[in-house]
Each structure stands twice: as C-alpha cells, then as structure tokens.
Amino acid sequence: MARFPQRLGKLYDWYDNRCRLEQSRLHLLVEAASHAEEAIQRHRDDVLAQRMGVIQAAEVQVLELAALGAFCHQAKVQEVRLHEKRDLAIRVRELQRQVVFAARQKLQLFEKLRDRRLAEFQYQEMRELEELASESYLAGFVRELNDNQFS
C-alpha cells in the first residue's frame, strides 16, 4: 500500500503560514490606522487647549492674537497632513484586507483539494485491501477444492 503524499501537507502548512503572516500584517495596519486617528484627535485637543488658553487669558495683547492666527493656520496645515496620513493608512489597510481574504480563499481551496486527495487515497487503499481479501479468500477456496478433489 502506498503512503499518502506528504507534499500536500507541506504545501498546506505553507499556505497556512502565509495566511497567518498576511493576517499579522493586517493587524499591524489596523493599529497604524487607529494610531493615525488618535493622532488627529490629540492634535485637535492640543489646538483647542491653546486657543482656550489665549481666549481665557485676562489680558490679550495684539501680538498674542497675531501669533494665535499663525498658530491656527499651521494647526490646519498639520491637521490636513494628519488626515492624509490617516487616509493612506486606511487605504493600505483595506488593500491588506483584500490580500488576507484572497489568502484565506486559497487556503480553503487547498484544504478542499487536500481533503479530496485524502478521500481518493483512502478509497484506493480500501479497494486494494478488498482485492487482497478477495484474492486471499479465493486462494483458500481453490486450495480447499484441490484438497477435497485429491483426497
């Protein structure tokens, strides 16, 4: 009787490892997008705190108001950059989700192939065993006939 091909097991392990690697990458990208979102929120909170500090001051000088205007302009520029960074992180994350989905599909297809090959192998093994059993039975039957005929 033949042995089940080990190549399929090794290939399945490779596809499984590849799928896990892609899932790990996706996890890192999800974290990166989350951190980008948190950075935007922290930036907004910092800008709001700076504005409130100037507004709530007892005396506000003209230079402070001018500096606040420049600060607000730079803050908007920084926020736009943070939004761009977040949008890029989201796009990369979504592309990675597609890669993970494709890797899972390949893994499932290969698993079906492996299971089908295993079923075929087991069927073939059972046929060989049945043939061996029937040959053994017939050989015993022929021997018994020959013993009865010559006795």
N, C-alpha and C. Protein backbone atom coordinates (compact mmCIF):
# COMPACT_ATOMS: atom_id res chain seq x y z
N MET A 1 0.83 -1.18 0.00
CA MET A 1 0.00 0.00 0.00
C MET A 1 0.88 1.25 0.00
N ALA A 2 0.47 2.21 -0.78
CA ALA A 2 1.23 3.45 -0.92
C ALA A 2 0.94 4.38 0.25
N ARG A 3 1.89 5.27 0.50
CA ARG A 3 1.70 6.27 1.55
C ARG A 3 1.06 7.52 0.96
N PHE A 4 0.31 8.22 1.80
CA PHE A 4 -0.31 9.47 1.36
C PHE A 4 0.80 10.49 1.10
N PRO A 5 0.72 11.20 -0.03
CA PRO A 5 1.78 12.16 -0.36
C PRO A 5 1.94 13.25 0.70
N GLN A 6 3.14 13.38 1.24
CA GLN A 6 3.41 14.38 2.28
C GLN A 6 3.52 15.79 1.70
N ARG A 7 3.74 15.89 0.39
CA ARG A 7 3.85 17.20 -0.25
C ARG A 7 2.62 18.05 0.04
N LEU A 8 1.46 17.43 0.00
CA LEU A 8 0.23 18.19 0.22
C LEU A 8 0.19 18.76 1.63
N GLY A 9 0.65 18.01 2.60
CA GLY A 9 0.68 18.51 3.96
C GLY A 9 1.63 19.69 4.09
N LYS A 10 2.78 19.58 3.44
CA LYS A 10 3.76 20.67 3.50
C LYS A 10 3.24 21.91 2.77
N LEU A 11 2.59 21.71 1.64
CA LEU A 11 2.02 22.84 0.92
C LEU A 11 0.90 23.50 1.72
N TYR A 12 0.09 22.67 2.35
CA TYR A 12 -0.98 23.23 3.18
C TYR A 12 -0.37 24.06 4.32
N ASP A 13 0.68 23.55 4.95
CA ASP A 13 1.35 24.30 6.02
C ASP A 13 1.90 25.62 5.50
N TRP A 14 2.44 25.60 4.28
CA TRP A 14 2.97 26.83 3.69
C TRP A 14 1.86 27.85 3.48
N TYR A 15 0.73 27.40 2.89
CA TYR A 15 -0.41 28.31 2.67
C TYR A 15 -0.96 28.82 4.00
N ASP A 16 -1.01 27.96 5.01
CA ASP A 16 -1.50 28.36 6.32
C ASP A 16 -0.56 29.40 6.93
N ASN A 17 0.73 29.17 6.82
CA ASN A 17 1.71 30.13 7.34
C ASN A 17 1.60 31.47 6.61
N ARG A 18 1.42 31.40 5.32
CA ARG A 18 1.28 32.62 4.51
C ARG A 18 0.03 33.40 4.94
N CYS A 19 -1.05 32.70 5.17
CA CYS A 19 -2.31 33.34 5.59
C CYS A 19 -2.11 34.01 6.96
N ARG A 20 -1.45 33.33 7.87
CA ARG A 20 -1.20 33.92 9.19
C ARG A 20 -0.30 35.15 9.09
N LEU A 21 0.69 35.10 8.21
CA LEU A 21 1.58 36.24 8.01
C LEU A 21 0.79 37.45 7.50
N GLU A 22 -0.07 37.22 6.54
CA GLU A 22 -0.89 38.31 5.99
C GLU A 22 -1.85 38.85 7.06
N GLN A 23 -2.38 37.99 7.90
CA GLN A 23 -3.25 38.44 8.98
C GLN A 23 -2.47 39.28 9.99
N SER A 24 -1.23 38.91 10.25
CA SER A 24 -0.39 39.70 11.15
C SER A 24 -0.13 41.09 10.57
N ARG A 25 0.14 41.12 9.28
CA ARG A 25 0.34 42.42 8.62
C ARG A 25 -0.93 43.27 8.72
N LEU A 26 -2.07 42.65 8.51
CA LEU A 26 -3.34 43.37 8.62
C LEU A 26 -3.51 43.93 10.03
N HIS A 27 -3.19 43.13 11.03
CA HIS A 27 -3.31 43.60 12.41
C HIS A 27 -2.44 44.84 12.64
N LEU A 28 -1.23 44.83 12.12
CA LEU A 28 -0.34 45.99 12.27
C LEU A 28 -0.91 47.21 11.55
N LEU A 29 -1.49 46.99 10.38
CA LEU A 29 -2.06 48.11 9.63
C LEU A 29 -3.32 48.66 10.30
N VAL A 30 -4.10 47.80 10.92
CA VAL A 30 -5.27 48.26 11.67
C VAL A 30 -4.81 49.14 12.83
N GLU A 31 -3.74 48.70 13.50
CA GLU A 31 -3.20 49.51 14.60
C GLU A 31 -2.67 50.86 14.08
N ALA A 32 -2.01 50.84 12.93
CA ALA A 32 -1.47 52.08 12.37
C ALA A 32 -2.60 53.06 12.05
N ALA A 33 -3.69 52.57 11.47
CA ALA A 33 -4.83 53.44 11.16
C ALA A 33 -5.45 53.98 12.45
N SER A 34 -5.52 53.15 13.46
CA SER A 34 -6.06 53.58 14.75
C SER A 34 -5.16 54.66 15.38
N HIS A 35 -3.85 54.45 15.30
CA HIS A 35 -2.92 55.45 15.84
C HIS A 35 -3.03 56.77 15.08
N ALA A 36 -3.23 56.70 13.78
CA ALA A 36 -3.38 57.92 12.98
C ALA A 36 -4.64 58.67 13.41
N GLU A 37 -5.70 57.94 13.66
CA GLU A 37 -6.95 58.57 14.12
C GLU A 37 -6.74 59.21 15.50
N GLU A 38 -6.02 58.50 16.37
CA GLU A 38 -5.74 59.05 17.70
C GLU A 38 -4.86 60.30 17.60
N ALA A 39 -3.92 60.31 16.67
CA ALA A 39 -3.05 61.48 16.50
C ALA A 39 -3.87 62.70 16.08
N ILE A 40 -4.85 62.48 15.21
CA ILE A 40 -5.73 63.59 14.80
C ILE A 40 -6.49 64.13 16.00
N GLN A 41 -7.01 63.22 16.79
CA GLN A 41 -7.78 63.67 17.97
C GLN A 41 -6.89 64.40 18.97
N ARG A 42 -5.68 63.89 19.21
CA ARG A 42 -4.75 64.57 20.12
C ARG A 42 -4.40 65.96 19.59
N HIS A 43 -4.19 66.05 18.28
CA HIS A 43 -3.87 67.35 17.66
C HIS A 43 -5.02 68.34 17.87
N ARG A 44 -6.23 67.88 17.62
CA ARG A 44 -7.39 68.74 17.82
C ARG A 44 -7.49 69.20 19.27
N ASP A 45 -7.26 68.27 20.19
CA ASP A 45 -7.32 68.63 21.62
C ASP A 45 -6.25 69.66 21.97
N ASP A 46 -5.04 69.48 21.43
CA ASP A 46 -3.95 70.43 21.70
C ASP A 46 -4.27 71.82 21.15
N VAL A 47 -4.79 71.86 19.94
CA VAL A 47 -5.14 73.14 19.33
C VAL A 47 -6.24 73.83 20.14
N LEU A 48 -7.23 73.05 20.53
CA LEU A 48 -8.32 73.62 21.32
C LEU A 48 -7.79 74.16 22.66
N ALA A 49 -6.90 73.42 23.28
CA ALA A 49 -6.33 73.87 24.56
C ALA A 49 -5.54 75.17 24.37
N GLN A 50 -4.79 75.28 23.30
CA GLN A 50 -4.03 76.51 23.03
C GLN A 50 -4.97 77.68 22.79
N ARG A 51 -6.01 77.46 22.00
CA ARG A 51 -6.97 78.53 21.73
C ARG A 51 -7.66 78.98 23.02
N MET A 52 -8.08 78.01 23.81
CA MET A 52 -8.77 78.34 25.06
C MET A 52 -7.83 79.07 26.02
N GLY A 53 -6.56 78.72 26.02
CA GLY A 53 -5.60 79.41 26.89
C GLY A 53 -5.49 80.88 26.54
N VAL A 54 -5.46 81.17 25.25
CA VAL A 54 -5.36 82.57 24.82
C VAL A 54 -6.68 83.29 25.07
N ILE A 55 -7.78 82.66 24.74
CA ILE A 55 -9.09 83.30 24.90
C ILE A 55 -9.41 83.58 26.36
N GLN A 56 -9.05 82.66 27.24
CA GLN A 56 -9.40 82.81 28.65
C GLN A 56 -8.41 83.69 29.43
N ALA A 57 -7.36 84.13 28.77
CA ALA A 57 -6.40 84.99 29.46
C ALA A 57 -7.06 86.30 29.85
N ALA A 58 -6.62 86.86 30.97
CA ALA A 58 -7.20 88.11 31.47
C ALA A 58 -6.92 89.27 30.50
N GLU A 59 -5.72 89.32 30.02
CA GLU A 59 -5.36 90.35 29.05
C GLU A 59 -4.76 89.68 27.83
N VAL A 60 -5.23 90.06 26.68
CA VAL A 60 -4.73 89.50 25.43
C VAL A 60 -4.12 90.64 24.64
N GLN A 61 -2.88 90.47 24.27
CA GLN A 61 -2.21 91.52 23.50
C GLN A 61 -2.35 91.21 22.01
N VAL A 62 -2.14 92.22 21.23
CA VAL A 62 -2.28 92.12 19.78
C VAL A 62 -1.32 91.08 19.22
N LEU A 63 -0.10 91.04 19.73
CA LEU A 63 0.88 90.07 19.25
C LEU A 63 0.44 88.63 19.55
N GLU A 64 -0.20 88.44 20.68
CA GLU A 64 -0.70 87.11 21.02
C GLU A 64 -1.80 86.69 20.06
N LEU A 65 -2.68 87.64 19.70
CA LEU A 65 -3.73 87.33 18.73
C LEU A 65 -3.15 87.03 17.36
N ALA A 66 -2.14 87.77 16.96
CA ALA A 66 -1.48 87.51 15.68
C ALA A 66 -0.81 86.14 15.71
N ALA A 67 -0.15 85.85 16.83
CA ALA A 67 0.50 84.54 16.96
C ALA A 67 -0.53 83.42 16.95
N LEU A 68 -1.68 83.67 17.56
CA LEU A 68 -2.75 82.67 17.57
C LEU A 68 -3.25 82.41 16.15
N GLY A 69 -3.35 83.47 15.34
CA GLY A 69 -3.78 83.30 13.94
C GLY A 69 -2.78 82.44 13.17
N ALA A 70 -1.50 82.73 13.35
CA ALA A 70 -0.47 81.93 12.67
C ALA A 70 -0.49 80.50 13.18
N PHE A 71 -0.68 80.35 14.48
CA PHE A 71 -0.74 79.01 15.08
C PHE A 71 -1.91 78.22 14.50
N CYS A 72 -3.08 78.89 14.40
CA CYS A 72 -4.27 78.21 13.85
C CYS A 72 -4.04 77.79 12.40
N HIS A 73 -3.37 78.65 11.63
CA HIS A 73 -3.07 78.31 10.24
C HIS A 73 -2.17 77.07 10.18
N GLN A 74 -1.10 77.08 10.97
CA GLN A 74 -0.19 75.92 11.00
C GLN A 74 -0.90 74.67 11.52
N ALA A 75 -1.80 74.86 12.45
CA ALA A 75 -2.55 73.73 13.00
C ALA A 75 -3.44 73.11 11.93
N LYS A 76 -4.06 73.95 11.09
CA LYS A 76 -4.89 73.41 10.00
C LYS A 76 -4.04 72.67 8.98
N VAL A 77 -2.87 73.20 8.67
CA VAL A 77 -1.96 72.52 7.75
C VAL A 77 -1.56 71.16 8.33
N GLN A 78 -1.22 71.15 9.61
CA GLN A 78 -0.83 69.91 10.28
C GLN A 78 -1.98 68.91 10.31
N GLU A 79 -3.18 69.42 10.53
CA GLU A 79 -4.34 68.52 10.56
C GLU A 79 -4.59 67.91 9.18
N VAL A 80 -4.42 68.70 8.14
CA VAL A 80 -4.57 68.17 6.78
C VAL A 80 -3.55 67.05 6.55
N ARG A 81 -2.31 67.26 6.99
CA ARG A 81 -1.28 66.22 6.84
C ARG A 81 -1.66 64.96 7.61
N LEU A 82 -2.17 65.16 8.81
CA LEU A 82 -2.58 64.01 9.62
C LEU A 82 -3.73 63.25 8.96
N HIS A 83 -4.67 63.99 8.37
CA HIS A 83 -5.78 63.35 7.65
C HIS A 83 -5.26 62.57 6.44
N GLU A 84 -4.32 63.14 5.72
CA GLU A 84 -3.74 62.44 4.57
C GLU A 84 -3.05 61.16 5.02
N LYS A 85 -2.32 61.26 6.13
CA LYS A 85 -1.62 60.09 6.66
C LYS A 85 -2.63 59.02 7.07
N ARG A 86 -3.72 59.45 7.74
CA ARG A 86 -4.75 58.50 8.14
C ARG A 86 -5.43 57.87 6.93
N ASP A 87 -5.74 58.68 5.92
CA ASP A 87 -6.39 58.16 4.72
C ASP A 87 -5.51 57.14 4.01
N LEU A 88 -4.21 57.42 3.96
CA LEU A 88 -3.28 56.46 3.36
C LEU A 88 -3.25 55.17 4.17
N ALA A 89 -3.22 55.29 5.50
CA ALA A 89 -3.22 54.10 6.36
C ALA A 89 -4.50 53.28 6.15
N ILE A 90 -5.61 53.96 5.97
CA ILE A 90 -6.88 53.26 5.74
C ILE A 90 -6.88 52.55 4.39
N ARG A 91 -6.36 53.22 3.36
CA ARG A 91 -6.30 52.59 2.03
C ARG A 91 -5.40 51.36 2.05
N VAL A 92 -4.24 51.48 2.68
CA VAL A 92 -3.31 50.34 2.77
C VAL A 92 -3.96 49.22 3.57
N ARG A 93 -4.65 49.56 4.65
CA ARG A 93 -5.34 48.55 5.47
C ARG A 93 -6.38 47.81 4.65
N GLU A 94 -7.16 48.55 3.85
CA GLU A 94 -8.19 47.90 3.04
C GLU A 94 -7.58 47.01 1.95
N LEU A 95 -6.48 47.44 1.38
CA LEU A 95 -5.80 46.58 0.41
C LEU A 95 -5.30 45.31 1.08
N GLN A 96 -4.78 45.44 2.29
CA GLN A 96 -4.31 44.27 3.02
C GLN A 96 -5.46 43.35 3.38
N ARG A 97 -6.62 43.91 3.66
CA ARG A 97 -7.80 43.06 3.92
C ARG A 97 -8.13 42.21 2.71
N GLN A 98 -7.99 42.80 1.53
CA GLN A 98 -8.24 42.03 0.31
C GLN A 98 -7.20 40.93 0.14
N VAL A 99 -5.95 41.23 0.49
CA VAL A 99 -4.89 40.22 0.41
C VAL A 99 -5.18 39.08 1.38
N VAL A 100 -5.61 39.42 2.60
CA VAL A 100 -5.94 38.39 3.59
C VAL A 100 -7.12 37.56 3.11
N PHE A 101 -8.12 38.20 2.54
CA PHE A 101 -9.28 37.47 2.03
C PHE A 101 -8.85 36.50 0.93
N ALA A 102 -8.00 36.95 0.02
CA ALA A 102 -7.51 36.08 -1.05
C ALA A 102 -6.69 34.93 -0.47
N ALA A 103 -5.87 35.20 0.52
CA ALA A 103 -5.05 34.15 1.14
C ALA A 103 -5.94 33.12 1.83
N ARG A 104 -6.99 33.59 2.48
CA ARG A 104 -7.92 32.65 3.14
C ARG A 104 -8.64 31.80 2.11
N GLN A 105 -9.03 32.41 0.99
CA GLN A 105 -9.70 31.64 -0.06
C GLN A 105 -8.77 30.57 -0.62
N LYS A 106 -7.51 30.94 -0.87
CA LYS A 106 -6.55 29.95 -1.38
C LYS A 106 -6.36 28.83 -0.37
N LEU A 107 -6.29 29.18 0.89
CA LEU A 107 -6.12 28.17 1.93
C LEU A 107 -7.32 27.23 1.97
N GLN A 108 -8.52 27.79 1.87
CA GLN A 108 -9.72 26.95 1.88
C GLN A 108 -9.78 26.05 0.65
N LEU A 109 -9.42 26.60 -0.51
CA LEU A 109 -9.41 25.78 -1.72
C LEU A 109 -8.40 24.66 -1.61
N PHE A 110 -7.22 24.98 -1.09
CA PHE A 110 -6.20 23.96 -0.95
C PHE A 110 -6.60 22.91 0.08
N GLU A 111 -7.30 23.36 1.12
CA GLU A 111 -7.78 22.42 2.12
C GLU A 111 -8.79 21.44 1.50
N LYS A 112 -9.66 21.97 0.65
CA LYS A 112 -10.62 21.10 -0.05
C LYS A 112 -9.89 20.12 -0.96
N LEU A 113 -8.88 20.62 -1.67
CA LEU A 113 -8.09 19.75 -2.54
C LEU A 113 -7.41 18.66 -1.73
N ARG A 114 -6.80 19.04 -0.61
CA ARG A 114 -6.12 18.07 0.25
C ARG A 114 -7.11 17.03 0.76
N ASP A 115 -8.29 17.47 1.20
CA ASP A 115 -9.30 16.54 1.71
C ASP A 115 -9.79 15.60 0.62
N ARG A 116 -9.96 16.16 -0.59
CA ARG A 116 -10.40 15.32 -1.71
C ARG A 116 -9.34 14.27 -2.06
N ARG A 117 -8.08 14.71 -2.09
CA ARG A 117 -6.99 13.76 -2.37
C ARG A 117 -6.89 12.69 -1.28
N LEU A 118 -7.10 13.10 -0.05
CA LEU A 118 -7.06 12.14 1.05
C LEU A 118 -8.20 11.13 0.91
N ALA A 119 -9.38 11.62 0.54
CA ALA A 119 -10.52 10.72 0.34
C ALA A 119 -10.23 9.75 -0.81
N GLU A 120 -9.66 10.27 -1.90
CA GLU A 120 -9.30 9.40 -3.02
C GLU A 120 -8.26 8.36 -2.60
N PHE A 121 -7.29 8.79 -1.82
CA PHE A 121 -6.24 7.89 -1.35
C PHE A 121 -6.85 6.80 -0.46
N GLN A 122 -7.74 7.18 0.44
CA GLN A 122 -8.37 6.21 1.32
C GLN A 122 -9.25 5.25 0.53
N TYR A 123 -9.94 5.76 -0.48
CA TYR A 123 -10.77 4.91 -1.33
C TYR A 123 -9.89 3.90 -2.06
N GLN A 124 -8.78 4.37 -2.61
CA GLN A 124 -7.86 3.49 -3.33
C GLN A 124 -7.28 2.44 -2.39
N GLU A 125 -6.96 2.83 -1.17
CA GLU A 125 -6.43 1.90 -0.19
C GLU A 125 -7.46 0.82 0.14
N MET A 126 -8.72 1.23 0.30
CA MET A 126 -9.78 0.27 0.60
C MET A 126 -9.99 -0.70 -0.57
N ARG A 127 -9.90 -0.21 -1.78
CA ARG A 127 -10.03 -1.09 -2.95
C ARG A 127 -8.92 -2.12 -2.97
N GLU A 128 -7.69 -1.68 -2.70
CA GLU A 128 -6.56 -2.60 -2.67
C GLU A 128 -6.74 -3.64 -1.57
N LEU A 129 -7.23 -3.21 -0.42
CA LEU A 129 -7.47 -4.12 0.68
C LEU A 129 -8.56 -5.12 0.34
N GLU A 130 -9.62 -4.66 -0.31
CA GLU A 130 -10.70 -5.56 -0.74
C GLU A 130 -10.19 -6.57 -1.75
N GLU A 131 -9.37 -6.11 -2.72
CA GLU A 131 -8.81 -7.03 -3.71
C GLU A 131 -7.93 -8.07 -3.04
N LEU A 132 -7.12 -7.65 -2.09
CA LEU A 132 -6.26 -8.57 -1.37
C LEU A 132 -7.08 -9.58 -0.58
N ALA A 133 -8.15 -9.10 0.05
CA ALA A 133 -9.02 -10.00 0.82
C ALA A 133 -9.72 -10.99 -0.10
N SER A 134 -10.20 -10.52 -1.25
CA SER A 134 -10.89 -11.44 -2.17
C SER A 134 -9.91 -12.44 -2.78
N GLU A 135 -8.69 -12.00 -3.09
CA GLU A 135 -7.68 -12.93 -3.61
C GLU A 135 -7.33 -13.98 -2.56
N SER A 136 -7.21 -13.54 -1.33
CA SER A 136 -6.91 -14.46 -0.23
C SER A 136 -8.03 -15.47 -0.05
N TYR A 137 -9.26 -14.98 -0.10
CA TYR A 137 -10.41 -15.88 0.05
C TYR A 137 -10.46 -16.88 -1.11
N LEU A 138 -10.26 -16.38 -2.33
CA LEU A 138 -10.29 -17.28 -3.49
C LEU A 138 -9.15 -18.28 -3.44
N ALA A 139 -7.99 -17.85 -3.01
CA ALA A 139 -6.86 -18.78 -2.91
C ALA A 139 -7.17 -19.87 -1.89
N GLY A 140 -7.77 -19.51 -0.77
CA GLY A 140 -8.17 -20.51 0.23
C GLY A 140 -9.25 -21.43 -0.31
N PHE A 141 -10.18 -20.87 -1.07
CA PHE A 141 -11.25 -21.68 -1.66
C PHE A 141 -10.68 -22.65 -2.67
N VAL A 142 -9.75 -22.19 -3.52
CA VAL A 142 -9.13 -23.06 -4.52
C VAL A 142 -8.32 -24.15 -3.83
N ARG A 143 -7.60 -23.81 -2.79
CA ARG A 143 -6.82 -24.80 -2.04
C ARG A 143 -7.74 -25.85 -1.44
N GLU A 144 -8.85 -25.40 -0.88
CA GLU A 144 -9.80 -26.34 -0.29
C GLU A 144 -10.40 -27.24 -1.34
N LEU A 145 -10.71 -26.70 -2.51
CA LEU A 145 -11.23 -27.51 -3.62
C LEU A 145 -10.19 -28.53 -4.06
N ASN A 146 -8.96 -28.12 -4.18
CA ASN A 146 -7.89 -29.02 -4.60
C ASN A 146 -7.67 -30.09 -3.54
N ASP A 147 -7.74 -29.76 -2.28
CA ASP A 147 -7.57 -30.74 -1.21
C ASP A 147 -8.71 -31.74 -1.23
N ASN A 148 -9.94 -31.30 -1.45
CA ASN A 148 -11.10 -32.18 -1.50
C ASN A 148 -11.08 -33.04 -2.75
N GLN A 149 -10.57 -32.53 -3.83
CA GLN A 149 -10.55 -33.25 -5.10
C GLN A 149 -9.51 -34.37 -5.08
N PHE A 150 -8.38 -34.13 -4.45
CA PHE A 150 -7.30 -35.11 -4.46
C PHE A 150 -7.32 -36.01 -3.22
N SER A 151 -8.24 -35.79 -2.32
CA SER A 151 -8.28 -36.65 -1.13
C SER A 151 -9.08 -37.87 -1.32
